[in-house]
Amino acid sequence: MSWSARRRAWETARLEPALERAPERRTRFSTISDVEVDRLYGPWSLEGTDPLAAIGFPGEPPFTRGVHPSGYRARPWTMRMFAGFGAAEDTNARFRQLLAAGQTGLSIAYDMPTLYGYDTDDPEAEGEFGTCGVAVSSLADMEVLLDGLPLDRISTSMTINSPAAPIWAMYIAAAEKRGVPRAALEGTLQNDILKEFVAQKEFLFPPEPSLRLVTDTIEFGTREMPRWNTISISGYHIREAGSTAVQELAFTIADGMAYTEAAIARGLRVDDFGPRLSFFFNSHNDFFEEIAKFRAARRIWWKLMSERYGAENERSTWMRFHTQTAGVSLTAQQPLNNLTRVAIQALAAVLGGTQSLHTDAYDEAWAVPSAEAALLALRQQQIIAEETGVASTVDPLGGSWFVESLTDATEAAVWRYLDEIDRRGGMVAAIAAGYPQGEIADAAYRYQLELDADDRSIVGVNLYHDPQEVLEIPLLQVSQASLRTHLGRLEQTRRERDGPAVARALARLRELASRPGSTETNLMPALIECAAAYATLGEICGVFRAVFGEYREPAAV
């Protein structure tokens, strides 16, 4: 009997009587991206698909099952916990704790003034010191932040975007002062400015000069820092802004296409920089949809890099990505529930084949994580790696009729978005027209309506909530002593540095940035010179503000 005939017999003999006794909870089941989920999946779900071509083997195109043939059997994913708060001393101590507890990579969170290119004592920065990351106003802070950390043996990820180039310059200068050559440094710079215009909104300068700075870093890294990923093309913040999984993947890949095209226009060969491109994704609550998203991502990027951009080096076609569990899914209500959410999201990332992973702490809906909460989040990863057995085989869910069908559906939906973005002239033009922003806003609004109507549930919020709940978890507080320490170092740096050398370095930066036809002049050497002279972040970004102007987003209509 064929599968189709056997399925019809099962529906008649088993399913229909069962539904008469117990009707299903609702008439339609769907993912968060509104992809309909069938009651049952089987071979009929993959009709017309060549499994060998579409799924294949790990480490072989189209990389659906992962970019490494042995998966995690040779080496587990990097456990890279995002951390940063207060003064550089505070975050350095947290890094030392995490490394001692078994963390295998650093990930630096910067505070809001740093993200916006201000020194901590700028009036615009008042009240924001160290509350969402570490404050770095100059090389002096970077030196303290990295003190005693083995920069020649671990990789460092830095979540910084508009001021990414000057902050990276400070990192390079700090390492070289310690005798670690720039070519030996390993890490990742987030540096994804397009997603700022789409989702996170931490932009400083207009799109064109902002993209120029990103291209400068790609070019500089390609030529001088072969172990550094100069951009982490980030869907994470797109998802946090309310997008669906499909939109997150589509808009992230479209951003990646824009950076690839900008680097090619600069004169780089795709195989010169393609192997060092990396990505950053969100892992949300819809378990199987997230796994399908990660698998589809690799397949789409392989096809784009090999067919559209002509990559000949296979490593240029690899989509390597970091994953962070979904901060937006964490609830202030019943915060211990977040431990379960994060564990499930982390497991989805691992089953989807992530290269590195950050697990959110359960208290992050309230504050920067406490040391205890951050350690517990790391332990969640370690339990998954060491106790569950999921790292014992490559792509454990490969061949699942449901997962493969959902992977195909996700890929098809992403291609529809990419075709529309192409029709609009590419991602930069689409952003200028407000297209991805509008799509994300519509998705966020639809999701909120579903929550308000109880069509979707959040345990502890609109389901099983406790009106008598009293918060009893320890919360981290950034001390005034940390602020005084930081401001004291900033004042000392300005007093003791070589003032004429700073002035010369800043003048050189201004001259290169404003030179006619200067978009082909790489600014990274001048930025490293500024950093090494102890020019502050505010002074460097002040040069860019004067030359490039500040961007103000047009009102939506």
Protein backbone atom coordinates (compact mmCIF):
# COMPACT_ATOMS: atom_id res chain seq x y z
CA MET A 1 0.00 0.00 0.00
CA SER A 2 1.33 3.47 -0.92
CA TRP A 3 1.92 6.18 1.63
CA SER A 4 -1.01 8.17 0.20
CA ALA A 5 -3.38 5.21 0.47
CA ARG A 6 -2.13 4.34 3.93
CA ARG A 7 -2.61 7.95 5.01
CA ARG A 8 -6.23 7.99 3.80
CA ALA A 9 -6.93 4.77 5.66
CA TRP A 10 -5.42 6.18 8.85
CA GLU A 11 -7.54 9.33 8.56
CA THR A 12 -10.72 7.27 8.19
CA ALA A 13 -10.01 4.61 10.78
CA ARG A 14 -8.11 6.55 13.40
CA LEU A 15 -8.18 10.32 12.99
CA GLU A 16 -11.84 11.04 12.31
CA PRO A 17 -13.18 9.06 15.31
CA ALA A 18 -10.57 10.69 17.53
CA LEU A 19 -11.60 14.19 16.42
CA GLU A 20 -15.24 13.38 17.12
CA ARG A 21 -14.33 12.41 20.68
CA ALA A 22 -11.92 15.28 21.27
CA PRO A 23 -11.93 18.21 18.80
CA GLU A 24 -8.62 19.99 18.31
CA ARG A 25 -7.96 23.13 20.35
CA ARG A 26 -8.18 25.48 17.35
CA THR A 27 -8.89 25.37 13.65
CA ARG A 28 -5.48 26.61 12.52
CA PHE A 29 -1.99 25.98 13.85
CA SER A 30 0.88 28.17 12.66
CA THR A 31 4.40 29.29 13.48
CA ILE A 32 5.17 32.78 14.78
CA SER A 33 5.92 33.67 11.13
CA ASP A 34 2.35 32.59 10.31
CA VAL A 35 3.48 29.52 8.35
CA GLU A 36 0.69 26.97 8.63
CA VAL A 37 1.67 23.78 10.47
CA ASP A 38 0.02 20.61 9.20
CA ARG A 39 -1.37 18.01 11.55
CA LEU A 40 0.98 15.34 10.23
CA TYR A 41 4.08 15.26 8.06
CA GLY A 42 5.33 12.35 6.00
CA PRO A 43 7.03 11.55 2.70
CA TRP A 44 4.19 13.35 0.88
CA SER A 45 5.39 16.58 2.52
CA LEU A 46 8.60 16.49 0.47
CA GLU A 47 7.17 15.48 -2.89
CA GLY A 48 9.23 16.96 -5.72
CA THR A 49 12.28 17.38 -3.49
CA ASP A 50 15.56 15.64 -4.20
CA PRO A 51 16.84 14.95 -0.66
CA LEU A 52 20.42 14.43 -1.83
CA ALA A 53 20.49 17.82 -3.53
CA ALA A 54 18.47 19.78 -0.95
CA ILE A 55 19.71 18.17 2.25
CA GLY A 56 22.93 16.42 1.32
CA PHE A 57 25.73 15.72 3.77
CA PRO A 58 27.33 17.91 6.44
CA GLY A 59 30.28 19.92 5.21
CA GLU A 60 29.12 19.76 1.59
CA PRO A 61 27.04 22.20 -0.48
CA PRO A 62 24.34 23.34 0.03
CA PHE A 63 25.36 23.07 3.73
CA THR A 64 21.80 22.52 4.95
CA ARG A 65 23.21 20.10 7.52
CA GLY A 66 26.09 22.32 8.60
CA VAL A 67 29.42 23.62 7.34
CA HIS A 68 31.55 21.09 9.26
CA PRO A 69 31.47 17.37 8.38
CA SER A 70 31.69 16.21 12.00
CA GLY A 71 29.41 18.81 13.57
CA TYR A 72 30.17 19.26 17.27
CA ARG A 73 31.92 15.88 17.67
CA ALA A 74 35.36 17.44 17.18
CA ARG A 75 34.67 20.76 18.87
CA PRO A 76 31.54 22.13 20.55
CA TRP A 77 30.17 25.55 19.75
CA THR A 78 31.91 28.53 21.35
CA MET A 79 30.19 29.54 24.57
CA ARG A 80 30.40 33.29 24.22
CA MET A 81 28.51 35.05 26.98
CA PHE A 82 27.67 38.69 26.29
CA ALA A 83 28.81 40.83 29.23
CA GLY A 84 29.44 44.42 30.14
CA PHE A 85 28.44 46.92 32.80
CA GLY A 86 29.80 49.84 34.77
CA ALA A 87 33.45 50.80 34.51
CA ALA A 88 36.11 48.78 32.71
CA GLU A 89 37.23 47.25 36.03
CA ASP A 90 33.75 45.83 36.66
CA THR A 91 33.47 44.11 33.30
CA ASN A 92 37.06 42.85 33.41
CA ALA A 93 36.24 41.11 36.69
CA ARG A 94 33.10 39.56 35.15
CA PHE A 95 35.12 38.29 32.17
CA ARG A 96 37.66 36.69 34.49
CA GLN A 97 34.84 34.93 36.37
CA LEU A 98 33.27 33.62 33.18
CA LEU A 99 36.58 32.39 31.76
CA ALA A 100 37.34 30.62 35.04
CA ALA A 101 33.88 28.99 34.84
CA GLY A 102 34.58 27.53 31.40
CA GLN A 103 33.49 30.20 28.94
CA THR A 104 35.45 29.88 25.68
CA GLY A 105 35.15 33.35 24.13
CA LEU A 106 34.59 36.97 25.12
CA SER A 107 31.66 39.14 24.04
CA ILE A 108 31.73 42.81 25.01
CA ALA A 109 28.57 44.84 25.58
CA TYR A 110 29.05 48.62 25.53
CA ASP A 111 26.91 51.17 27.31
CA MET A 112 24.61 53.63 25.57
CA PRO A 113 26.98 56.64 25.50
CA THR A 114 29.66 54.43 23.91
CA LEU A 115 27.18 53.06 21.38
CA TYR A 116 26.31 56.64 20.41
CA GLY A 117 29.90 57.85 20.27
CA TYR A 118 29.87 60.08 23.36
CA ASP A 119 32.32 60.35 26.22
CA THR A 120 30.74 59.59 29.58
CA ASP A 121 31.01 63.22 30.76
CA ASP A 122 29.16 64.58 27.73
CA PRO A 123 25.78 66.14 28.70
CA GLU A 124 24.11 63.82 26.19
CA ALA A 125 25.37 60.82 28.19
CA GLU A 126 23.99 61.85 31.57
CA GLY A 127 22.28 59.04 33.47
CA GLU A 128 23.32 56.28 31.06
CA PHE A 129 26.73 55.26 32.39
CA GLY A 130 27.30 51.51 32.45
CA THR A 131 23.67 50.46 32.63
CA CYS A 132 23.51 48.32 29.48
CA GLY A 133 27.21 47.68 28.95
CA VAL A 134 30.69 48.84 29.80
CA ALA A 135 31.75 52.46 29.32
CA VAL A 136 34.75 52.97 27.01
CA SER A 137 35.74 56.58 26.42
CA SER A 138 39.37 56.08 25.38
CA LEU A 139 42.22 53.63 24.98
CA ALA A 140 42.83 53.94 28.73
CA ASP A 141 39.47 52.25 29.39
CA MET A 142 40.14 49.59 26.78
CA GLU A 143 43.47 48.76 28.42
CA VAL A 144 41.79 48.22 31.79
CA LEU A 145 38.95 46.26 30.20
CA LEU A 146 41.38 43.80 28.58
CA ASP A 147 43.91 43.66 31.41
CA GLY A 148 45.13 40.13 32.05
CA LEU A 149 42.89 38.56 29.39
CA PRO A 150 44.63 36.18 26.96
CA LEU A 151 44.02 38.10 23.73
CA ASP A 152 46.39 35.82 21.82
CA ARG A 153 44.44 32.69 22.81
CA ILE A 154 40.75 33.63 22.82
CA SER A 155 38.45 35.36 20.38
CA THR A 156 36.61 38.54 21.27
CA SER A 157 33.25 39.66 19.94
CA MET A 158 32.29 43.33 20.25
CA THR A 159 28.72 44.56 19.95
CA ILE A 160 29.30 48.01 18.52
CA ASN A 161 27.98 49.54 15.31
CA SER A 162 28.12 53.24 14.43
CA PRO A 163 31.39 53.77 16.40
CA ALA A 164 32.66 50.29 15.49
CA ALA A 165 35.73 51.51 13.61
CA PRO A 166 37.13 53.73 16.41
CA ILE A 167 36.34 51.15 19.12
CA TRP A 168 38.06 48.46 17.05
CA ALA A 169 41.02 50.80 16.64
CA MET A 170 41.26 51.07 20.44
CA TYR A 171 41.20 47.28 20.77
CA ILE A 172 43.97 46.93 18.19
CA ALA A 173 46.05 49.64 19.86
CA ALA A 174 45.61 48.05 23.30
CA ALA A 175 46.67 44.63 22.02
CA GLU A 176 49.71 46.00 20.20
CA LYS A 177 50.83 47.90 23.32
CA ARG A 178 50.85 44.51 25.07
CA GLY A 179 52.93 42.98 22.29
CA VAL A 180 50.13 41.06 20.54
CA PRO A 181 50.37 41.80 16.80
CA ARG A 182 47.15 42.72 15.04
CA ALA A 183 47.47 39.79 12.63
CA ALA A 184 47.24 37.39 15.59
CA LEU A 185 44.02 38.85 16.97
CA GLU A 186 40.89 36.78 16.59
CA GLY A 187 37.34 37.98 17.02
CA THR A 188 34.27 39.56 15.53
CA LEU A 189 33.10 43.13 15.16
CA GLN A 190 29.33 43.50 14.92
CA ASN A 191 29.65 46.60 12.73
CA ASP A 192 26.27 46.07 10.98
CA ILE A 193 25.02 49.58 10.35
CA LEU A 194 22.20 48.73 7.95
CA LYS A 195 20.28 46.84 10.61
CA GLU A 196 20.52 49.96 12.76
CA PHE A 197 18.52 51.89 10.18
CA VAL A 198 16.07 48.97 9.96
CA ALA A 199 15.62 47.97 13.59
CA GLN A 200 17.86 49.05 16.48
CA LYS A 201 18.10 52.76 15.55
CA GLU A 202 21.54 53.36 17.10
CA PHE A 203 22.81 55.19 14.03
CA LEU A 204 24.94 58.33 14.06
CA PHE A 205 25.74 59.30 10.49
CA PRO A 206 23.79 59.08 7.21
CA PRO A 207 23.71 55.72 5.42
CA GLU A 208 26.36 56.47 2.78
CA PRO A 209 29.27 57.48 5.06
CA SER A 210 28.17 54.82 7.56
CA LEU A 211 28.45 52.15 4.88
CA ARG A 212 31.82 53.62 3.87
CA LEU A 213 33.16 53.05 7.41
CA VAL A 214 31.96 49.44 7.36
CA THR A 215 33.68 48.90 4.01
CA ASP A 216 36.86 50.42 5.44
CA THR A 217 36.88 47.85 8.23
CA ILE A 218 36.22 44.98 5.83
CA GLU A 219 39.08 46.10 3.60
CA PHE A 220 41.46 46.69 6.51
CA GLY A 221 40.68 43.34 8.10
CA THR A 222 41.08 41.55 4.79
CA ARG A 223 44.52 43.06 4.28
CA GLU A 224 45.92 43.05 7.85
CA MET A 225 43.83 40.91 10.23
CA PRO A 226 43.08 37.57 8.57
CA ARG A 227 41.69 35.97 11.74
CA TRP A 228 39.15 38.71 12.43
CA ASN A 229 35.52 38.74 11.27
CA THR A 230 35.06 42.42 10.50
CA ILE A 231 31.28 42.27 10.39
CA SER A 232 28.60 40.19 12.05
CA ILE A 233 25.54 40.66 9.88
CA SER A 234 22.86 40.76 12.50
CA GLY A 235 19.33 39.51 12.35
CA TYR A 236 19.13 39.44 16.12
CA HIS A 237 18.01 43.04 16.51
CA ILE A 238 15.62 42.77 13.57
CA ARG A 239 13.87 39.97 15.45
CA GLU A 240 13.95 41.89 18.72
CA ALA A 241 12.19 44.76 16.91
CA GLY A 242 9.24 42.46 16.21
CA SER A 243 9.99 40.74 12.92
CA THR A 244 9.04 37.18 12.10
CA ALA A 245 11.70 34.49 11.67
CA VAL A 246 11.30 34.73 7.90
CA GLN A 247 11.74 38.52 7.93
CA GLU A 248 14.74 38.24 10.24
CA LEU A 249 16.46 35.89 7.82
CA ALA A 250 15.45 37.73 4.65
CA PHE A 251 16.48 41.21 5.80
CA THR A 252 19.71 39.94 7.33
CA ILE A 253 20.73 38.19 4.13
CA ALA A 254 19.77 41.29 2.12
CA ASP A 255 22.05 43.34 4.38
CA GLY A 256 24.81 40.81 3.75
CA MET A 257 24.32 41.19 0.03
CA ALA A 258 24.68 44.98 0.34
CA TYR A 259 27.97 44.66 2.26
CA THR A 260 29.27 42.12 -0.23
CA GLU A 261 28.48 44.44 -3.12
CA ALA A 262 30.08 47.42 -1.35
CA ALA A 263 33.30 45.48 -0.76
CA ILE A 264 33.40 44.32 -4.38
CA ALA A 265 32.88 47.92 -5.50
CA ARG A 266 35.86 48.89 -3.32
CA GLY A 267 37.97 46.53 -5.44
CA LEU A 268 38.09 43.44 -3.23
CA ARG A 269 37.54 39.99 -4.69
CA VAL A 270 34.68 38.11 -3.08
CA ASP A 271 37.07 35.33 -2.07
CA ASP A 272 39.34 37.86 -0.37
CA PHE A 273 36.74 38.78 2.24
CA GLY A 274 33.90 36.24 1.89
CA PRO A 275 35.41 33.63 4.24
CA ARG A 276 35.46 36.17 7.11
CA LEU A 277 31.85 37.33 6.82
CA SER A 278 29.80 36.12 9.77
CA PHE A 279 26.18 36.36 10.90
CA PHE A 280 24.27 36.77 14.15
CA PHE A 281 20.78 35.37 14.67
CA ASN A 282 18.06 35.26 17.29
CA SER A 283 16.71 32.00 18.67
CA HIS A 284 13.10 32.55 19.67
CA ASN A 285 10.39 30.38 21.22
CA ASP A 286 9.03 28.60 18.13
CA PHE A 287 11.37 25.65 18.45
CA PHE A 288 11.10 23.95 15.08
CA GLU A 289 10.76 27.18 13.11
CA GLU A 290 14.05 28.40 14.56
CA ILE A 291 15.83 25.18 13.61
CA ALA A 292 14.40 25.42 10.09
CA LYS A 293 15.51 29.07 9.87
CA PHE A 294 19.13 28.21 10.64
CA ARG A 295 19.18 25.35 8.14
CA ALA A 296 17.57 27.44 5.39
CA ALA A 297 20.02 30.28 6.07
CA ARG A 298 23.04 28.19 5.11
CA ARG A 299 21.40 26.94 1.95
CA ILE A 300 20.37 30.43 0.75
CA TRP A 301 23.78 32.01 1.47
CA TRP A 302 25.60 29.20 -0.34
CA LYS A 303 23.46 29.75 -3.41
CA LEU A 304 23.88 33.54 -3.37
CA MET A 305 27.64 33.51 -2.87
CA SER A 306 28.32 30.81 -5.42
CA GLU A 307 25.82 31.81 -8.12
CA ARG A 308 25.33 35.57 -7.80
CA TYR A 309 28.77 36.64 -6.56
CA GLY A 310 30.88 33.94 -8.20
CA ALA A 311 32.75 32.75 -5.10
CA GLU A 312 35.25 30.04 -5.94
CA ASN A 313 36.58 29.43 -2.44
CA GLU A 314 34.09 27.14 -0.73
CA ARG A 315 34.64 28.90 2.60
CA SER A 316 33.24 32.08 1.05
CA THR A 317 29.90 30.30 0.72
CA TRP A 318 29.72 29.20 4.36
CA MET A 319 27.21 30.93 6.53
CA ARG A 320 28.86 30.90 9.96
CA PHE A 321 26.77 32.43 12.69
CA HIS A 322 26.55 33.29 16.36
CA THR A 323 23.21 32.92 18.11
CA GLN A 324 21.69 34.62 21.13
CA THR A 325 18.52 33.54 22.82
CA ALA A 326 15.59 35.92 22.48
CA GLY A 327 15.81 38.81 24.92
CA VAL A 328 12.40 40.02 23.79
CA SER A 329 10.86 36.76 24.97
CA LEU A 330 12.01 37.25 28.57
CA THR A 331 9.32 38.35 31.00
CA ALA A 332 9.51 40.49 34.10
CA GLN A 333 6.61 38.44 35.44
CA GLN A 334 7.67 35.10 36.97
CA PRO A 335 11.28 35.64 35.85
CA LEU A 336 12.41 32.13 36.76
CA ASN A 337 10.27 30.93 33.85
CA ASN A 338 12.93 32.53 31.65
CA LEU A 339 15.32 29.72 32.57
CA THR A 340 13.09 27.29 30.69
CA ARG A 341 12.63 29.61 27.72
CA VAL A 342 16.36 30.15 27.38
CA ALA A 343 17.18 26.45 27.62
CA ILE A 344 14.70 25.60 24.86
CA GLN A 345 15.92 28.45 22.64
CA ALA A 346 19.54 27.41 23.18
CA LEU A 347 18.72 23.83 22.27
CA ALA A 348 17.11 25.03 19.02
CA ALA A 349 20.28 26.97 18.18
CA VAL A 350 22.43 23.90 18.79
CA LEU A 351 20.16 21.63 16.77
CA GLY A 352 20.30 24.26 14.02
CA GLY A 353 24.10 24.15 13.97
CA THR A 354 25.24 27.46 15.45
CA GLN A 355 28.98 28.17 15.70
CA SER A 356 28.73 30.11 18.96
CA LEU A 357 26.02 30.87 21.48
CA HIS A 358 25.01 33.35 24.16
CA THR A 359 22.30 32.36 26.60
CA ASP A 360 20.36 35.20 28.22
CA ALA A 361 20.19 35.38 31.99
CA TYR A 362 16.81 34.97 33.64
CA ASP A 363 16.92 38.44 35.25
CA GLU A 364 17.54 40.45 32.06
CA ALA A 365 13.98 41.77 31.85
CA TRP A 366 14.86 43.68 35.03
CA ALA A 367 18.53 44.64 34.85
CA VAL A 368 22.00 43.82 33.60
CA PRO A 369 22.55 40.20 34.71
CA SER A 370 23.87 39.53 38.17
CA ALA A 371 27.01 37.37 38.39
CA GLU A 372 24.92 34.45 39.65
CA ALA A 373 22.41 34.72 36.80
CA ALA A 374 25.16 35.02 34.17
CA LEU A 375 26.89 31.92 35.52
CA LEU A 376 23.62 29.98 35.53
CA ALA A 377 23.05 30.97 31.87
CA LEU A 378 26.50 29.60 31.00
CA ARG A 379 25.72 26.40 32.88
CA GLN A 380 22.63 25.92 30.69
CA GLN A 381 24.89 25.71 27.64
CA GLN A 382 27.30 23.38 29.38
CA ILE A 383 24.49 21.01 30.36
CA ILE A 384 23.25 20.93 26.76
CA ALA A 385 26.78 20.23 25.53
CA GLU A 386 27.79 17.65 28.13
CA GLU A 387 24.63 15.89 29.32
CA THR A 388 21.97 15.74 26.60
CA GLY A 389 23.78 13.87 23.83
CA VAL A 390 22.64 16.29 21.14
CA ALA A 391 26.24 16.98 20.11
CA SER A 392 26.95 13.29 19.46
CA THR A 393 25.56 13.22 15.94
CA VAL A 394 25.53 15.78 13.14
CA ASP A 395 22.22 17.53 12.41
CA PRO A 396 20.08 15.20 14.58
CA LEU A 397 16.82 16.42 13.04
CA GLY A 398 17.98 16.10 9.44
CA GLY A 399 15.51 14.00 7.51
CA SER A 400 12.60 14.82 9.80
CA TRP A 401 9.65 15.28 7.46
CA PHE A 402 8.43 18.22 9.51
CA VAL A 403 11.81 19.94 9.82
CA GLU A 404 12.71 19.48 6.17
CA SER A 405 9.29 20.70 5.03
CA LEU A 406 9.53 23.74 7.31
CA THR A 407 13.08 24.41 6.08
CA ASP A 408 11.82 24.41 2.49
CA ALA A 409 8.87 26.68 3.36
CA THR A 410 11.15 29.11 5.18
CA GLU A 411 13.59 29.23 2.29
CA ALA A 412 10.81 29.85 -0.24
CA ALA A 413 9.39 32.70 1.85
CA VAL A 414 12.83 34.29 2.20
CA TRP A 415 13.44 34.17 -1.55
CA ARG A 416 10.15 36.01 -2.08
CA TYR A 417 11.40 38.82 0.16
CA LEU A 418 14.80 38.88 -1.55
CA ASP A 419 13.14 39.12 -4.97
CA GLU A 420 11.05 42.06 -3.74
CA ILE A 421 14.13 43.81 -2.35
CA ASP A 422 15.90 43.28 -5.68
CA ARG A 423 12.91 44.78 -7.44
CA ARG A 424 13.23 47.85 -5.21
CA GLY A 425 16.88 48.36 -6.14
CA GLY A 426 18.60 46.53 -3.29
CA MET A 427 18.61 46.78 0.48
CA VAL A 428 19.98 50.32 0.79
CA ALA A 429 17.23 51.64 -1.49
CA ALA A 430 14.63 49.51 0.30
CA ILE A 431 15.70 50.93 3.67
CA ALA A 432 15.53 54.49 2.31
CA ALA A 433 11.96 53.78 1.20
CA GLY A 434 11.04 52.29 4.59
CA TYR A 435 10.15 48.88 3.19
CA PRO A 436 11.74 46.52 5.77
CA GLN A 437 10.81 48.88 8.60
CA GLY A 438 7.16 48.74 7.55
CA GLU A 439 7.16 44.97 7.23
CA ILE A 440 8.61 44.58 10.73
CA ALA A 441 6.14 47.05 12.22
CA ASP A 442 3.22 45.17 10.66
CA ALA A 443 4.52 41.84 11.99
CA ALA A 444 5.01 43.24 15.49
CA TYR A 445 1.51 44.74 15.47
CA ARG A 446 -0.05 41.46 14.32
CA TYR A 447 1.76 39.53 17.04
CA GLN A 448 0.61 41.97 19.71
CA LEU A 449 -2.98 41.70 18.51
CA GLU A 450 -2.71 37.92 18.78
CA LEU A 451 -1.45 38.23 22.35
CA ASP A 452 -4.18 40.70 23.26
CA ALA A 453 -6.80 38.32 21.86
CA ASP A 454 -5.22 35.36 23.70
CA ASP A 455 -4.57 33.65 20.36
CA ARG A 456 -0.96 33.35 21.53
CA SER A 457 0.06 32.70 25.10
CA ILE A 458 2.93 33.75 27.34
CA VAL A 459 3.04 31.79 30.55
CA GLY A 460 2.95 34.13 33.51
CA VAL A 461 1.69 37.06 31.43
CA ASN A 462 -1.61 36.21 29.78
CA LEU A 463 -1.72 32.57 30.91
CA TYR A 464 -1.19 31.16 34.40
CA HIS A 465 -0.39 34.64 35.68
CA ASP A 466 -0.16 35.33 39.40
CA PRO A 467 -1.67 38.65 40.51
CA GLN A 468 -0.04 38.20 43.94
CA GLU A 469 3.47 37.79 42.54
CA VAL A 470 6.23 39.55 44.47
CA LEU A 471 9.67 39.93 42.86
CA GLU A 472 12.35 38.32 45.00
CA ILE A 473 15.45 38.06 42.82
CA PRO A 474 18.76 39.87 43.37
CA LEU A 475 19.37 42.65 40.85
CA LEU A 476 22.69 44.16 39.79
CA GLN A 477 23.15 47.84 40.56
CA VAL A 478 25.82 49.97 38.86
CA SER A 479 27.48 51.90 41.66
CA GLN A 480 28.34 55.57 41.83
CA ALA A 481 31.85 54.48 42.78
CA SER A 482 32.21 52.91 39.32
CA LEU A 483 31.14 56.16 37.71
CA ARG A 484 33.67 58.10 39.76
CA THR A 485 36.42 55.64 38.80
CA HIS A 486 35.61 55.99 35.13
CA LEU A 487 35.36 59.78 35.17
CA GLY A 488 38.59 60.03 37.12
CA ARG A 489 40.42 57.97 34.50
CA LEU A 490 38.93 60.07 31.70
CA GLU A 491 40.07 63.29 33.35
CA GLN A 492 43.55 61.85 33.98
CA THR A 493 43.82 60.66 30.39
CA ARG A 494 43.06 64.11 29.04
CA ARG A 495 45.51 65.72 31.48
CA GLU A 496 48.46 63.37 30.91
CA ARG A 497 48.30 62.58 27.18
CA ASP A 498 50.37 64.37 24.55
CA GLY A 499 47.95 67.14 23.54
CA PRO A 500 49.72 68.17 20.31
CA ALA A 501 49.89 64.52 19.19
CA VAL A 502 46.14 64.15 19.78
CA ALA A 503 45.43 67.31 17.82
CA ARG A 504 47.60 66.14 14.91
CA ALA A 505 45.94 62.72 14.83
CA LEU A 506 42.43 64.21 14.86
CA ALA A 507 43.36 66.75 12.18
CA ARG A 508 44.73 63.95 10.01
CA LEU A 509 41.49 61.99 10.46
CA ARG A 510 39.40 65.03 9.54
CA GLU A 511 41.51 65.72 6.45
CA LEU A 512 41.25 62.14 5.17
CA ALA A 513 37.52 61.86 5.90
CA SER A 514 36.68 65.13 4.14
CA ARG A 515 39.11 64.87 1.23
CA PRO A 516 37.29 65.04 -2.16
CA GLY A 517 36.85 61.52 -3.51
CA SER A 518 37.90 60.19 -0.10
CA THR A 519 35.47 57.29 -0.10
CA GLU A 520 38.30 55.14 -1.42
CA THR A 521 40.67 56.25 1.38
CA ASN A 522 40.70 53.75 4.23
CA LEU A 523 40.34 55.52 7.56
CA MET A 524 41.40 52.64 9.84
CA PRO A 525 45.13 53.57 10.01
CA ALA A 526 44.20 57.13 10.99
CA LEU A 527 41.76 55.82 13.60
CA ILE A 528 44.45 53.58 15.13
CA GLU A 529 46.73 56.61 15.28
CA CYS A 530 44.01 58.56 17.11
CA ALA A 531 43.38 55.69 19.51
CA ALA A 532 47.08 55.23 20.29
CA ALA A 533 47.36 58.96 21.06
CA TYR A 534 44.49 58.58 23.57
CA ALA A 535 41.99 60.66 21.63
CA THR A 536 38.61 60.01 23.20
CA LEU A 537 35.71 58.35 21.49
CA GLY A 538 33.72 61.57 21.68
CA GLU A 539 36.54 63.50 19.99
CA ILE A 540 36.85 60.96 17.18
CA CYS A 541 33.10 60.75 16.58
CA GLY A 542 32.97 64.53 16.80
CA VAL A 543 35.22 64.66 13.74
CA PHE A 544 32.84 62.33 11.90
CA ARG A 545 29.79 64.30 13.00
CA ALA A 546 31.37 67.46 11.63
CA VAL A 547 32.37 65.85 8.32
CA PHE A 548 29.49 63.44 7.70
CA GLY A 549 26.65 65.11 9.57
CA GLU A 550 24.20 63.42 11.92
CA TYR A 551 21.33 61.35 10.59
CA ARG A 552 17.73 62.04 11.52
CA GLU A 553 15.28 59.37 10.47
CA PRO A 554 12.40 60.72 8.38
CA ALA A 555 8.95 60.37 9.88
CA ALA A 556 6.95 57.35 8.75
CA VAL A 557 3.87 58.14 6.67
